[in-house]
C-alpha cells in the first residue's frame, strides 16, 4: 500500500504510537489522575521542544565536517550532543511548568508529565519523519524511536518524582535523572548511528524493550508511594 506524504492515514500512523503511550502512562496514575488540560499542555510543550532541536540538527548538518578520522568519533560526538540537547529540552517544561505546582502532588506525577512531554516531542518528530521518508520509516519508528523516548522519560520522571518529596536532595536527584536519561539516550543513538556492524542496531532495539520491561518496577514504586493510595 502506497501512502502519499500528506495522506491522513500516514499522519495518523505517525501520531498513534505516542498517543497510545500517553494513554497508557495516564492510566498508571491510578489514585489521583492529572487534569487532562495539564496533560494536553505537557504534550504541546513537548511538541514545541522539537523546534530548537531541528535548528540545532540543521546547523550540525551544515557545519560539521564529514571527514572526521576515525569516523566513529563524529558518531559519538553527534550522539552525545543530540542526546543531551533533547533530554535537556524535555526536562525544561517538566521543571519550570509542572514540578513547582501544587497539582504535582504524588511521585508518579513525575513519570506522567515526563512521558507525556516526551511523547509530544516524539510524536512531532515522528510526523516530520513520516512526511519526509514515508510509511516504512513511520512503522519502524513506532517500535524504536517513539518507545525509546518513553524509556528515557521514565528514568527522568522517576527521579523528578523522588526529588519533589525529598526536598533536601532535590538538586542531586534531578541531576541524576537528567544524566541517566542522557546516558541511556546516548548509548541508543551511538548503537543506532554507527556504521561498523548492523547487529548493533538490533541491540539498540532490544535494549529499548528491555528498558520498557524493567521500568515497570519504577512505575510500581511510585504507585505504591502515592499519598492517595488507600490500604488494599
N, C-alpha and C. Protein backbone atom coordinates (compact mmCIF):
# COMPACT_ATOMS: atom_id res chain seq x y z
N UNK A 1 0.85 -1.20 0.00
CA UNK A 1 0.00 0.00 0.00
C UNK A 1 0.88 1.25 0.00
N UNK A 2 0.68 2.11 -0.96
CA UNK A 2 1.44 3.35 -1.06
C UNK A 2 0.64 4.50 -0.44
N UNK A 3 1.31 5.27 0.40
CA UNK A 3 0.66 6.43 1.02
C UNK A 3 1.41 7.68 0.61
N UNK A 4 0.69 8.70 0.23
CA UNK A 4 1.33 9.97 -0.12
C UNK A 4 1.77 10.68 1.13
N UNK A 5 2.65 11.67 0.96
CA UNK A 5 3.23 12.35 2.12
C UNK A 5 2.18 12.97 3.01
N UNK A 6 1.10 13.47 2.44
CA UNK A 6 0.11 14.16 3.25
C UNK A 6 -1.16 13.31 3.45
N UNK A 7 -1.04 12.01 3.26
CA UNK A 7 -2.17 11.11 3.47
C UNK A 7 -2.55 11.14 4.95
N UNK A 8 -3.83 11.37 5.28
CA UNK A 8 -4.25 11.40 6.69
C UNK A 8 -3.94 10.10 7.42
N UNK A 9 -4.01 8.97 6.71
CA UNK A 9 -3.70 7.70 7.35
C UNK A 9 -2.24 7.63 7.77
N UNK A 10 -1.35 8.16 6.94
CA UNK A 10 0.07 8.18 7.29
C UNK A 10 0.31 9.03 8.54
N UNK A 11 -0.34 10.19 8.58
CA UNK A 11 -0.18 11.07 9.75
C UNK A 11 -0.75 10.42 11.00
N UNK A 12 -1.87 9.71 10.85
CA UNK A 12 -2.46 9.00 11.99
C UNK A 12 -1.52 7.92 12.49
N UNK A 13 -0.93 7.17 11.57
CA UNK A 13 0.02 6.12 11.96
C UNK A 13 1.25 6.71 12.66
N UNK A 14 1.66 7.89 12.22
CA UNK A 14 2.81 8.55 12.85
C UNK A 14 2.48 9.02 14.26
N UNK A 15 1.24 9.48 14.46
CA UNK A 15 0.85 10.03 15.77
C UNK A 15 0.41 8.95 16.76
N UNK A 16 -0.08 7.82 16.24
CA UNK A 16 -0.70 6.82 17.10
C UNK A 16 0.20 6.24 18.19
N UNK A 17 1.45 5.87 17.91
CA UNK A 17 2.28 5.29 18.98
C UNK A 17 2.44 6.20 20.19
N UNK A 18 2.73 7.48 19.94
CA UNK A 18 2.90 8.43 21.04
C UNK A 18 1.61 8.63 21.82
N UNK A 19 0.49 8.68 21.12
CA UNK A 19 -0.80 8.86 21.80
C UNK A 19 -1.15 7.63 22.64
N UNK A 20 -0.84 6.45 22.13
CA UNK A 20 -1.11 5.23 22.90
C UNK A 20 -0.25 5.17 24.17
N UNK A 21 1.00 5.59 24.05
CA UNK A 21 1.87 5.61 25.23
C UNK A 21 1.36 6.64 26.24
N UNK A 22 0.88 7.78 25.76
CA UNK A 22 0.28 8.78 26.67
C UNK A 22 -0.91 8.18 27.40
N UNK A 23 -1.77 7.48 26.68
CA UNK A 23 -2.94 6.85 27.30
C UNK A 23 -2.52 5.84 28.35
N UNK A 24 -1.51 5.03 28.01
CA UNK A 24 -1.04 4.01 28.96
C UNK A 24 -0.48 4.67 30.22
N UNK A 25 0.36 5.67 30.05
CA UNK A 25 1.01 6.27 31.22
C UNK A 25 0.00 7.05 32.05
N UNK A 26 -1.01 7.63 31.41
CA UNK A 26 -2.08 8.31 32.15
C UNK A 26 -2.83 7.30 33.02
N UNK A 27 -3.01 6.09 32.52
CA UNK A 27 -3.72 5.05 33.27
C UNK A 27 -2.90 4.53 34.45
N UNK A 28 -1.57 4.68 34.40
CA UNK A 28 -0.76 4.22 35.53
C UNK A 28 -0.92 5.12 36.75
N UNK A 29 -1.42 6.32 36.54
CA UNK A 29 -1.67 7.27 37.64
C UNK A 29 -3.02 6.88 38.25
N UNK A 30 -3.02 5.82 39.07
CA UNK A 30 -4.26 5.16 39.47
C UNK A 30 -5.05 5.89 40.54
N UNK A 31 -4.38 6.65 41.38
CA UNK A 31 -5.04 7.11 42.60
C UNK A 31 -5.49 8.57 42.56
N UNK A 32 -4.88 9.37 41.67
CA UNK A 32 -5.28 10.78 41.59
C UNK A 32 -4.89 11.29 40.21
N UNK A 33 -5.80 11.12 39.24
CA UNK A 33 -5.49 11.45 37.85
C UNK A 33 -5.18 12.93 37.68
N UNK A 34 -4.23 13.21 36.80
CA UNK A 34 -3.91 14.58 36.45
C UNK A 34 -4.99 15.16 35.54
N UNK A 35 -5.14 16.48 35.61
CA UNK A 35 -6.09 17.16 34.73
C UNK A 35 -5.73 16.92 33.27
N UNK A 36 -6.76 16.68 32.46
CA UNK A 36 -6.50 16.47 31.03
C UNK A 36 -5.99 17.75 30.37
N UNK A 37 -6.34 18.89 30.93
CA UNK A 37 -5.79 20.15 30.43
C UNK A 37 -4.28 20.20 30.64
N UNK A 38 -3.84 19.77 31.82
CA UNK A 38 -2.41 19.74 32.11
C UNK A 38 -1.70 18.72 31.23
N UNK A 39 -2.34 17.59 30.98
CA UNK A 39 -1.76 16.57 30.11
C UNK A 39 -1.61 17.12 28.69
N UNK A 40 -2.65 17.79 28.20
CA UNK A 40 -2.59 18.37 26.85
C UNK A 40 -1.50 19.44 26.77
N UNK A 41 -1.35 20.24 27.83
CA UNK A 41 -0.31 21.26 27.86
C UNK A 41 1.07 20.62 27.81
N UNK A 42 1.26 19.56 28.59
CA UNK A 42 2.55 18.86 28.60
C UNK A 42 2.89 18.33 27.21
N UNK A 43 1.91 17.75 26.54
CA UNK A 43 2.12 17.22 25.19
C UNK A 43 2.50 18.34 24.22
N UNK A 44 1.79 19.46 24.33
CA UNK A 44 2.05 20.60 23.43
C UNK A 44 3.43 21.18 23.66
N UNK A 45 3.84 21.29 24.93
CA UNK A 45 5.17 21.82 25.22
C UNK A 45 6.26 20.88 24.71
N UNK A 46 6.02 19.58 24.82
CA UNK A 46 6.97 18.63 24.26
C UNK A 46 7.09 18.78 22.75
N UNK A 47 5.95 18.99 22.10
CA UNK A 47 5.96 19.18 20.65
C UNK A 47 6.75 20.42 20.26
N UNK A 48 6.59 21.51 21.01
CA UNK A 48 7.32 22.74 20.73
C UNK A 48 8.83 22.55 20.91
N UNK A 49 9.20 21.61 21.77
CA UNK A 49 10.62 21.35 22.01
C UNK A 49 11.37 20.85 20.79
N UNK A 50 10.62 20.38 19.77
CA UNK A 50 11.30 19.92 18.56
C UNK A 50 11.92 21.07 17.78
N UNK A 51 11.38 22.28 17.95
CA UNK A 51 11.84 23.41 17.13
C UNK A 51 13.33 23.73 17.33
N UNK A 52 13.79 23.93 18.58
CA UNK A 52 15.23 24.20 18.73
C UNK A 52 16.11 23.02 18.32
N UNK A 53 15.59 21.79 18.47
CA UNK A 53 16.38 20.63 18.08
C UNK A 53 16.53 20.57 16.56
N UNK A 54 15.46 20.88 15.83
CA UNK A 54 15.53 20.93 14.37
C UNK A 54 16.58 21.95 13.92
N UNK A 55 16.56 23.12 14.57
CA UNK A 55 17.54 24.16 14.21
C UNK A 55 18.96 23.69 14.50
N UNK A 56 19.15 23.02 15.65
CA UNK A 56 20.48 22.56 16.01
C UNK A 56 20.97 21.50 15.02
N UNK A 57 20.08 20.56 14.67
CA UNK A 57 20.49 19.49 13.76
C UNK A 57 20.77 20.03 12.35
N UNK A 58 20.03 21.07 11.94
CA UNK A 58 20.31 21.71 10.65
C UNK A 58 21.68 22.38 10.68
N UNK A 59 21.99 23.01 11.80
CA UNK A 59 23.31 23.64 11.95
C UNK A 59 24.42 22.59 11.91
N UNK A 60 24.20 21.46 12.59
CA UNK A 60 25.20 20.39 12.58
C UNK A 60 25.43 19.88 11.16
N UNK A 61 24.32 19.70 10.42
CA UNK A 61 24.45 19.21 9.06
C UNK A 61 25.23 20.13 8.16
N UNK A 62 25.13 21.43 8.44
CA UNK A 62 25.81 22.42 7.59
C UNK A 62 27.25 22.68 8.01
N UNK A 63 27.55 22.48 9.30
CA UNK A 63 28.84 22.91 9.81
C UNK A 63 29.77 21.80 10.28
N UNK A 64 29.21 20.61 10.50
CA UNK A 64 30.06 19.53 10.99
C UNK A 64 30.69 18.82 9.79
N UNK A 65 32.00 18.81 9.75
CA UNK A 65 32.70 18.23 8.61
C UNK A 65 32.51 16.71 8.58
N UNK A 66 32.49 16.16 7.38
CA UNK A 66 32.24 14.73 7.21
C UNK A 66 33.52 13.91 7.10
N UNK A 67 34.68 14.53 7.26
CA UNK A 67 35.94 13.81 7.07
C UNK A 67 36.65 13.53 8.39
N UNK A 68 35.86 13.37 9.46
CA UNK A 68 36.46 13.04 10.75
C UNK A 68 37.17 11.69 10.64
N UNK A 69 38.35 11.61 11.21
CA UNK A 69 39.07 10.34 11.25
C UNK A 69 39.52 10.08 12.69
N UNK A 70 39.20 8.94 13.27
CA UNK A 70 38.31 7.92 12.72
C UNK A 70 36.84 8.40 12.73
N UNK A 71 36.05 7.81 11.85
CA UNK A 71 34.67 8.26 11.65
C UNK A 71 33.83 8.11 12.91
N UNK A 72 34.13 7.09 13.73
CA UNK A 72 33.29 6.84 14.91
C UNK A 72 33.35 7.99 15.91
N UNK A 73 34.39 8.81 15.87
CA UNK A 73 34.44 9.98 16.75
C UNK A 73 33.31 10.95 16.42
N UNK A 74 33.04 11.14 15.15
CA UNK A 74 31.94 12.01 14.73
C UNK A 74 30.60 11.42 15.20
N UNK A 75 30.44 10.11 15.07
CA UNK A 75 29.21 9.46 15.51
C UNK A 75 28.98 9.67 17.00
N UNK A 76 30.04 9.49 17.79
CA UNK A 76 29.92 9.67 19.24
C UNK A 76 29.61 11.12 19.59
N UNK A 77 30.32 12.06 18.93
CA UNK A 77 30.10 13.47 19.21
C UNK A 77 28.65 13.87 18.91
N UNK A 78 28.17 13.49 17.73
CA UNK A 78 26.80 13.83 17.35
C UNK A 78 25.79 13.18 18.30
N UNK A 79 26.03 11.93 18.65
CA UNK A 79 25.11 11.21 19.53
C UNK A 79 25.03 11.88 20.89
N UNK A 80 26.17 12.24 21.46
CA UNK A 80 26.19 12.88 22.77
C UNK A 80 25.50 14.24 22.74
N UNK A 81 25.79 15.01 21.70
CA UNK A 81 25.21 16.35 21.59
C UNK A 81 23.70 16.30 21.42
N UNK A 82 23.24 15.44 20.52
CA UNK A 82 21.80 15.32 20.27
C UNK A 82 21.09 14.77 21.50
N UNK A 83 21.67 13.73 22.12
CA UNK A 83 21.03 13.12 23.28
C UNK A 83 20.89 14.13 24.43
N UNK A 84 21.96 14.87 24.71
CA UNK A 84 21.87 15.82 25.82
C UNK A 84 20.90 16.95 25.50
N UNK A 85 20.96 17.46 24.28
CA UNK A 85 20.08 18.56 23.91
C UNK A 85 18.60 18.15 24.00
N UNK A 86 18.28 16.97 23.50
CA UNK A 86 16.89 16.53 23.53
C UNK A 86 16.40 16.28 24.96
N UNK A 87 17.23 15.64 25.78
CA UNK A 87 16.80 15.38 27.16
C UNK A 87 16.69 16.68 27.95
N UNK A 88 17.58 17.63 27.72
CA UNK A 88 17.51 18.91 28.42
C UNK A 88 16.26 19.69 27.99
N UNK A 89 15.97 19.68 26.70
CA UNK A 89 14.78 20.37 26.18
C UNK A 89 13.52 19.79 26.79
N UNK A 90 13.49 18.47 26.97
CA UNK A 90 12.31 17.83 27.56
C UNK A 90 12.23 18.06 29.06
N UNK A 91 13.38 18.24 29.71
CA UNK A 91 13.39 18.48 31.15
C UNK A 91 12.87 19.87 31.50
N UNK A 92 13.12 20.87 30.63
CA UNK A 92 12.76 22.25 30.96
C UNK A 92 11.28 22.44 31.28
N UNK A 93 10.32 22.00 30.43
CA UNK A 93 8.92 22.19 30.81
C UNK A 93 8.53 21.39 32.05
N UNK A 94 9.14 20.23 32.24
CA UNK A 94 8.85 19.45 33.44
C UNK A 94 9.21 20.24 34.69
N UNK A 95 10.41 20.84 34.68
CA UNK A 95 10.89 21.57 35.87
C UNK A 95 10.23 22.93 36.03
N UNK A 96 10.03 23.65 34.93
CA UNK A 96 9.57 25.03 35.02
C UNK A 96 8.05 25.15 35.13
N UNK A 97 7.32 24.24 34.53
CA UNK A 97 5.87 24.37 34.46
C UNK A 97 5.14 23.46 35.44
N UNK A 98 5.56 22.20 35.53
CA UNK A 98 4.77 21.22 36.29
C UNK A 98 5.34 20.92 37.67
N UNK A 99 6.63 20.75 37.75
CA UNK A 99 7.27 20.37 39.01
C UNK A 99 6.94 21.30 40.18
N UNK A 100 6.92 22.63 40.00
CA UNK A 100 6.68 23.51 41.15
C UNK A 100 5.20 23.60 41.58
N UNK A 101 4.27 23.07 40.79
CA UNK A 101 2.85 23.30 41.03
C UNK A 101 2.28 22.36 42.08
N UNK A 102 1.23 22.83 42.73
CA UNK A 102 0.60 22.04 43.80
C UNK A 102 -0.05 20.78 43.28
N UNK A 103 -0.44 20.76 42.00
CA UNK A 103 -1.07 19.56 41.46
C UNK A 103 -0.07 18.44 41.19
N UNK A 104 1.22 18.76 41.24
CA UNK A 104 2.27 17.72 41.22
C UNK A 104 2.38 17.24 42.66
N UNK A 105 1.51 16.32 43.03
CA UNK A 105 1.33 16.01 44.45
C UNK A 105 1.50 14.55 44.81
N UNK A 106 2.11 13.77 43.91
CA UNK A 106 2.48 12.39 44.22
C UNK A 106 3.64 12.01 43.31
N UNK A 107 4.47 11.06 43.73
CA UNK A 107 5.68 10.75 42.96
C UNK A 107 5.42 10.33 41.52
N UNK A 108 4.33 9.61 41.26
CA UNK A 108 4.05 9.14 39.90
C UNK A 108 3.84 10.29 38.92
N UNK A 109 3.50 11.46 39.44
CA UNK A 109 3.29 12.61 38.55
C UNK A 109 4.56 12.96 37.78
N UNK A 110 5.72 12.71 38.38
CA UNK A 110 6.97 12.97 37.67
C UNK A 110 7.06 12.13 36.41
N UNK A 111 6.71 10.85 36.52
CA UNK A 111 6.74 9.96 35.36
C UNK A 111 5.67 10.36 34.35
N UNK A 112 4.46 10.66 34.84
CA UNK A 112 3.36 11.01 33.93
C UNK A 112 3.73 12.22 33.08
N UNK A 113 4.15 13.31 33.71
CA UNK A 113 4.44 14.53 32.95
C UNK A 113 5.68 14.36 32.08
N UNK A 114 6.71 13.67 32.58
CA UNK A 114 7.91 13.47 31.77
C UNK A 114 7.60 12.67 30.51
N UNK A 115 6.80 11.62 30.65
CA UNK A 115 6.48 10.78 29.50
C UNK A 115 5.59 11.53 28.50
N UNK A 116 4.60 12.26 29.00
CA UNK A 116 3.71 12.98 28.08
C UNK A 116 4.48 14.06 27.33
N UNK A 117 5.36 14.77 28.02
CA UNK A 117 6.22 15.75 27.32
C UNK A 117 7.05 15.05 26.25
N UNK A 118 7.65 13.92 26.62
CA UNK A 118 8.47 13.17 25.67
C UNK A 118 7.65 12.69 24.48
N UNK A 119 6.40 12.30 24.72
CA UNK A 119 5.56 11.83 23.62
C UNK A 119 5.13 12.99 22.71
N UNK A 120 4.96 14.18 23.27
CA UNK A 120 4.71 15.34 22.42
C UNK A 120 5.89 15.57 21.49
N UNK A 121 7.08 15.47 22.06
CA UNK A 121 8.31 15.62 21.26
C UNK A 121 8.42 14.50 20.22
N UNK A 122 8.28 13.25 20.67
CA UNK A 122 8.47 12.10 19.78
C UNK A 122 7.42 12.04 18.69
N UNK A 123 6.18 12.42 19.02
CA UNK A 123 5.11 12.37 18.02
C UNK A 123 5.34 13.41 16.93
N UNK A 124 5.71 14.61 17.31
CA UNK A 124 6.00 15.65 16.32
C UNK A 124 7.18 15.22 15.45
N UNK A 125 8.21 14.71 16.08
CA UNK A 125 9.38 14.22 15.35
C UNK A 125 8.97 13.11 14.38
N UNK A 126 8.09 12.22 14.84
CA UNK A 126 7.67 11.09 14.02
C UNK A 126 6.86 11.54 12.81
N UNK A 127 6.01 12.55 13.01
CA UNK A 127 5.23 13.09 11.90
C UNK A 127 6.16 13.71 10.85
N UNK A 128 7.18 14.42 11.31
CA UNK A 128 8.13 15.02 10.37
C UNK A 128 8.88 13.94 9.59
N UNK A 129 9.27 12.87 10.27
CA UNK A 129 9.93 11.77 9.58
C UNK A 129 8.97 11.10 8.59
N UNK A 130 7.69 10.96 8.97
CA UNK A 130 6.71 10.35 8.08
C UNK A 130 6.55 11.16 6.81
N UNK A 131 6.48 12.48 6.95
CA UNK A 131 6.33 13.34 5.78
C UNK A 131 7.53 13.27 4.86
N UNK A 132 8.70 13.04 5.44
CA UNK A 132 9.93 13.03 4.64
C UNK A 132 10.24 11.65 4.07
N UNK A 133 10.02 10.59 4.87
CA UNK A 133 10.50 9.27 4.47
C UNK A 133 9.40 8.25 4.20
N UNK A 134 8.16 8.53 4.60
CA UNK A 134 7.08 7.65 4.23
C UNK A 134 6.74 6.56 5.22
N UNK A 135 5.97 5.58 4.74
CA UNK A 135 5.33 4.58 5.59
C UNK A 135 6.32 3.65 6.28
N UNK A 136 7.32 3.16 5.57
CA UNK A 136 8.24 2.19 6.16
C UNK A 136 8.95 2.75 7.38
N UNK A 137 9.47 3.96 7.26
CA UNK A 137 10.16 4.60 8.38
C UNK A 137 9.19 4.86 9.53
N UNK A 138 7.96 5.25 9.20
CA UNK A 138 6.95 5.52 10.22
C UNK A 138 6.66 4.28 11.06
N UNK A 139 6.52 3.14 10.40
CA UNK A 139 6.25 1.89 11.13
C UNK A 139 7.46 1.48 11.95
N UNK A 140 8.65 1.59 11.38
CA UNK A 140 9.86 1.23 12.12
C UNK A 140 10.01 2.06 13.39
N UNK A 141 9.80 3.36 13.27
CA UNK A 141 9.97 4.25 14.42
C UNK A 141 8.91 4.01 15.50
N UNK A 142 7.78 3.45 15.12
CA UNK A 142 6.75 3.13 16.10
C UNK A 142 7.24 2.11 17.13
N UNK A 143 8.22 1.30 16.73
CA UNK A 143 8.76 0.26 17.62
C UNK A 143 10.17 0.57 18.11
N UNK A 144 10.70 1.72 17.71
CA UNK A 144 12.07 2.07 18.10
C UNK A 144 12.13 3.45 18.76
N UNK A 145 12.16 4.50 17.96
CA UNK A 145 12.41 5.85 18.47
C UNK A 145 11.33 6.32 19.44
N UNK A 146 10.06 6.06 19.11
CA UNK A 146 8.99 6.57 19.98
C UNK A 146 9.02 5.90 21.36
N UNK A 147 9.02 4.56 21.45
CA UNK A 147 9.14 3.97 22.79
C UNK A 147 10.47 4.29 23.47
N UNK A 148 11.53 4.50 22.68
CA UNK A 148 12.82 4.87 23.30
C UNK A 148 12.69 6.18 24.06
N UNK A 149 12.00 7.16 23.48
CA UNK A 149 11.78 8.42 24.20
C UNK A 149 11.00 8.18 25.49
N UNK A 150 10.08 7.23 25.46
CA UNK A 150 9.34 6.89 26.67
C UNK A 150 10.24 6.29 27.74
N UNK A 151 11.18 5.44 27.33
CA UNK A 151 12.12 4.83 28.27
C UNK A 151 12.97 5.89 28.94
N UNK A 152 13.51 6.82 28.15
CA UNK A 152 14.34 7.88 28.73
C UNK A 152 13.52 8.75 29.67
N UNK A 153 12.26 9.00 29.30
CA UNK A 153 11.41 9.88 30.11
C UNK A 153 11.04 9.25 31.45
N UNK A 154 10.84 7.95 31.47
CA UNK A 154 10.51 7.29 32.74
C UNK A 154 11.67 7.43 33.71
N UNK A 155 12.89 7.30 33.21
CA UNK A 155 14.06 7.50 34.08
C UNK A 155 14.04 8.91 34.67
N UNK A 156 13.91 9.90 33.80
CA UNK A 156 13.92 11.29 34.25
C UNK A 156 12.75 11.57 35.20
N UNK A 157 11.57 11.09 34.84
CA UNK A 157 10.39 11.34 35.66
C UNK A 157 10.42 10.65 37.00
N UNK A 158 11.04 9.47 37.04
CA UNK A 158 11.16 8.76 38.31
C UNK A 158 11.95 9.59 39.31
N UNK A 159 13.08 10.14 38.87
CA UNK A 159 13.90 10.93 39.79
C UNK A 159 13.27 12.29 40.09
N UNK A 160 12.51 12.84 39.15
CA UNK A 160 11.77 14.08 39.45
C UNK A 160 10.73 13.82 40.53
N UNK A 161 10.07 12.65 40.45
CA UNK A 161 9.10 12.29 41.49
C UNK A 161 9.74 12.11 42.84
N UNK A 162 10.93 11.52 42.88
CA UNK A 162 11.66 11.41 44.15
C UNK A 162 12.05 12.79 44.68
N UNK A 163 12.57 13.63 43.79
CA UNK A 163 13.08 14.94 44.20
C UNK A 163 11.98 15.82 44.80
N UNK A 164 10.79 15.75 44.24
CA UNK A 164 9.69 16.59 44.71
C UNK A 164 9.40 16.38 46.18
N UNK A 165 9.58 15.15 46.65
CA UNK A 165 9.21 14.83 48.02
C UNK A 165 10.41 14.52 48.91
N UNK A 166 11.59 14.83 48.40
CA UNK A 166 12.82 14.75 49.20
C UNK A 166 13.55 16.07 49.05
N UNK A 167 12.99 17.08 49.66
CA UNK A 167 13.43 18.46 49.44
C UNK A 167 14.93 18.66 49.67
N UNK A 168 15.48 17.94 50.64
CA UNK A 168 16.90 18.14 50.95
C UNK A 168 17.81 17.57 49.88
N UNK A 169 17.25 16.78 48.95
CA UNK A 169 18.08 16.16 47.91
C UNK A 169 17.57 16.48 46.50
N UNK A 170 16.83 17.56 46.37
CA UNK A 170 16.22 17.87 45.09
C UNK A 170 17.23 17.97 43.95
N UNK A 171 18.24 18.79 44.14
CA UNK A 171 19.18 19.06 43.04
C UNK A 171 19.93 17.79 42.61
N UNK A 172 20.53 17.03 43.55
CA UNK A 172 21.22 15.82 43.09
C UNK A 172 20.30 14.78 42.44
N UNK A 173 19.06 14.68 42.91
CA UNK A 173 18.13 13.71 42.31
C UNK A 173 17.71 14.14 40.91
N UNK A 174 17.44 15.43 40.74
CA UNK A 174 17.09 15.92 39.40
C UNK A 174 18.26 15.78 38.44
N UNK A 175 19.45 16.08 38.93
CA UNK A 175 20.65 15.94 38.09
C UNK A 175 20.87 14.47 37.72
N UNK A 176 20.64 13.58 38.67
CA UNK A 176 20.80 12.15 38.39
C UNK A 176 19.83 11.69 37.32
N UNK A 177 18.58 12.15 37.42
CA UNK A 177 17.59 11.79 36.41
C UNK A 177 17.98 12.24 35.03
N UNK A 178 18.45 13.48 34.92
CA UNK A 178 18.88 14.01 33.62
C UNK A 178 20.08 13.23 33.09
N UNK A 179 21.06 12.98 33.94
CA UNK A 179 22.28 12.31 33.48
C UNK A 179 22.03 10.86 33.07
N UNK A 180 21.17 10.16 33.82
CA UNK A 180 20.87 8.77 33.45
C UNK A 180 20.06 8.70 32.16
N UNK A 181 19.10 9.63 32.00
CA UNK A 181 18.34 9.68 30.75
C UNK A 181 19.27 10.00 29.58
N UNK A 182 20.17 10.94 29.81
CA UNK A 182 21.16 11.31 28.78
C UNK A 182 22.05 10.13 28.44
N UNK A 183 22.50 9.39 29.45
CA UNK A 183 23.38 8.24 29.21
C UNK A 183 22.65 7.16 28.40
N UNK A 184 21.40 6.86 28.78
CA UNK A 184 20.63 5.85 28.05
C UNK A 184 20.39 6.28 26.61
N UNK A 185 20.05 7.56 26.44
CA UNK A 185 19.80 8.10 25.10
C UNK A 185 21.07 8.06 24.26
N UNK A 186 22.20 8.38 24.87
CA UNK A 186 23.48 8.38 24.15
C UNK A 186 23.84 6.99 23.65
N UNK A 187 23.69 6.00 24.52
CA UNK A 187 24.00 4.62 24.14
C UNK A 187 23.11 4.19 22.98
N UNK A 188 21.82 4.51 23.07
CA UNK A 188 20.87 4.16 22.00
C UNK A 188 21.29 4.81 20.68
N UNK A 189 21.60 6.09 20.72
CA UNK A 189 21.96 6.81 19.49
C UNK A 189 23.26 6.29 18.88
N UNK A 190 24.26 6.04 19.73
CA UNK A 190 25.53 5.54 19.20
C UNK A 190 25.32 4.20 18.50
N UNK A 191 24.56 3.30 19.14
CA UNK A 191 24.30 1.99 18.53
C UNK A 191 23.52 2.12 17.23
N UNK A 192 22.63 3.11 17.20
CA UNK A 192 21.77 3.29 16.02
C UNK A 192 22.52 3.95 14.87
N UNK A 193 23.39 4.93 15.18
CA UNK A 193 24.04 5.73 14.14
C UNK A 193 25.34 5.12 13.61
N UNK A 194 25.95 4.21 14.40
CA UNK A 194 27.23 3.65 13.97
C UNK A 194 27.06 2.84 12.69
N UNK A 195 28.13 2.78 11.92
CA UNK A 195 28.10 2.06 10.63
C UNK A 195 29.13 0.94 10.59
N UNK A 196 29.49 0.46 11.77
CA UNK A 196 30.50 -0.58 11.86
C UNK A 196 29.87 -1.97 11.72
N UNK A 197 28.76 -2.18 12.44
CA UNK A 197 28.15 -3.51 12.48
C UNK A 197 26.64 -3.36 12.64
N UNK A 198 25.88 -3.87 11.67
CA UNK A 198 24.43 -3.70 11.68
C UNK A 198 23.77 -4.38 12.87
N UNK A 199 24.40 -5.43 13.39
CA UNK A 199 23.83 -6.12 14.54
C UNK A 199 23.68 -5.24 15.76
N UNK A 200 24.49 -4.20 15.85
CA UNK A 200 24.39 -3.29 16.99
C UNK A 200 23.10 -2.48 16.95
N UNK A 201 22.53 -2.29 15.77
CA UNK A 201 21.24 -1.61 15.66
C UNK A 201 20.16 -2.47 16.30
N UNK A 202 20.24 -3.78 16.08
CA UNK A 202 19.29 -4.70 16.72
C UNK A 202 19.46 -4.64 18.24
N UNK A 203 20.71 -4.55 18.70
CA UNK A 203 20.97 -4.44 20.14
C UNK A 203 20.30 -3.20 20.72
N UNK A 204 20.34 -2.08 20.00
CA UNK A 204 19.69 -0.85 20.46
C UNK A 204 18.20 -1.07 20.66
N UNK A 205 17.56 -1.76 19.73
CA UNK A 205 16.12 -2.02 19.82
C UNK A 205 15.82 -2.95 21.00
N UNK A 206 16.66 -3.99 21.16
CA UNK A 206 16.48 -4.92 22.28
C UNK A 206 16.60 -4.19 23.61
N UNK A 207 17.57 -3.29 23.71
CA UNK A 207 17.76 -2.54 24.97
C UNK A 207 16.56 -1.66 25.29
N UNK A 208 15.95 -1.08 24.25
CA UNK A 208 14.74 -0.27 24.48
C UNK A 208 13.65 -1.11 25.09
N UNK A 209 13.40 -2.28 24.53
CA UNK A 209 12.31 -3.11 25.03
C UNK A 209 12.63 -3.75 26.37
N UNK A 210 13.89 -4.01 26.65
CA UNK A 210 14.27 -4.43 28.00
C UNK A 210 14.03 -3.30 28.99
N UNK A 211 14.34 -2.06 28.56
CA UNK A 211 14.08 -0.91 29.42
C UNK A 211 12.61 -0.78 29.75
N UNK A 212 11.75 -0.98 28.75
CA UNK A 212 10.31 -0.91 29.00
C UNK A 212 9.90 -1.95 30.04
N UNK A 213 10.45 -3.15 29.93
CA UNK A 213 10.10 -4.23 30.87
C UNK A 213 10.56 -3.90 32.29
N UNK A 214 11.81 -3.51 32.44
CA UNK A 214 12.35 -3.29 33.78
C UNK A 214 11.83 -2.00 34.41
N UNK A 215 11.45 -1.03 33.60
CA UNK A 215 10.97 0.23 34.17
C UNK A 215 9.55 0.12 34.73
N UNK A 216 8.88 -0.99 34.49
CA UNK A 216 7.59 -1.19 35.15
C UNK A 216 7.76 -1.17 36.67
N UNK A 217 8.93 -1.61 37.14
CA UNK A 217 9.18 -1.59 38.58
C UNK A 217 9.27 -0.16 39.11
N UNK A 218 9.85 0.76 38.32
CA UNK A 218 9.91 2.15 38.75
C UNK A 218 8.51 2.74 38.86
N UNK A 219 7.65 2.39 37.91
CA UNK A 219 6.26 2.86 37.95
C UNK A 219 5.57 2.30 39.19
N UNK A 220 5.75 1.01 39.48
CA UNK A 220 5.10 0.40 40.64
C UNK A 220 5.56 1.04 41.94
N UNK A 221 6.85 1.36 42.02
CA UNK A 221 7.36 2.01 43.25
C UNK A 221 6.64 3.32 43.52
N UNK A 222 6.49 4.13 42.48
CA UNK A 222 5.83 5.42 42.68
C UNK A 222 4.33 5.25 42.91
N UNK A 223 3.72 4.27 42.30
CA UNK A 223 2.32 3.99 42.59
C UNK A 223 2.15 3.62 44.06
N UNK A 224 3.03 2.78 44.57
CA UNK A 224 2.91 2.33 45.96
C UNK A 224 3.19 3.43 46.96
N UNK A 225 3.93 4.46 46.55
CA UNK A 225 4.25 5.57 47.44
C UNK A 225 3.29 6.75 47.31
N UNK A 226 2.20 6.55 46.60
CA UNK A 226 1.23 7.63 46.46
C UNK A 226 0.54 7.93 47.78
N UNK A 227 0.46 9.21 48.18
CA UNK A 227 -0.28 9.56 49.40
C UNK A 227 -1.78 9.34 49.26
N UNK A 228 -2.24 9.12 48.04
CA UNK A 228 -3.68 8.91 47.81
C UNK A 228 -4.05 7.44 47.79
N UNK A 229 -3.05 6.58 47.93
CA UNK A 229 -3.34 5.15 47.92
C UNK A 229 -3.95 4.74 49.25
N UNK A 230 -5.07 4.06 49.18
CA UNK A 230 -5.71 3.54 50.37
C UNK A 230 -5.20 2.12 50.61
N UNK A 231 -5.26 1.71 51.85
CA UNK A 231 -4.81 0.36 52.17
C UNK A 231 -5.67 -0.65 51.42
N UNK A 232 -5.02 -1.59 50.78
CA UNK A 232 -5.74 -2.60 49.99
C UNK A 232 -5.72 -3.94 50.70
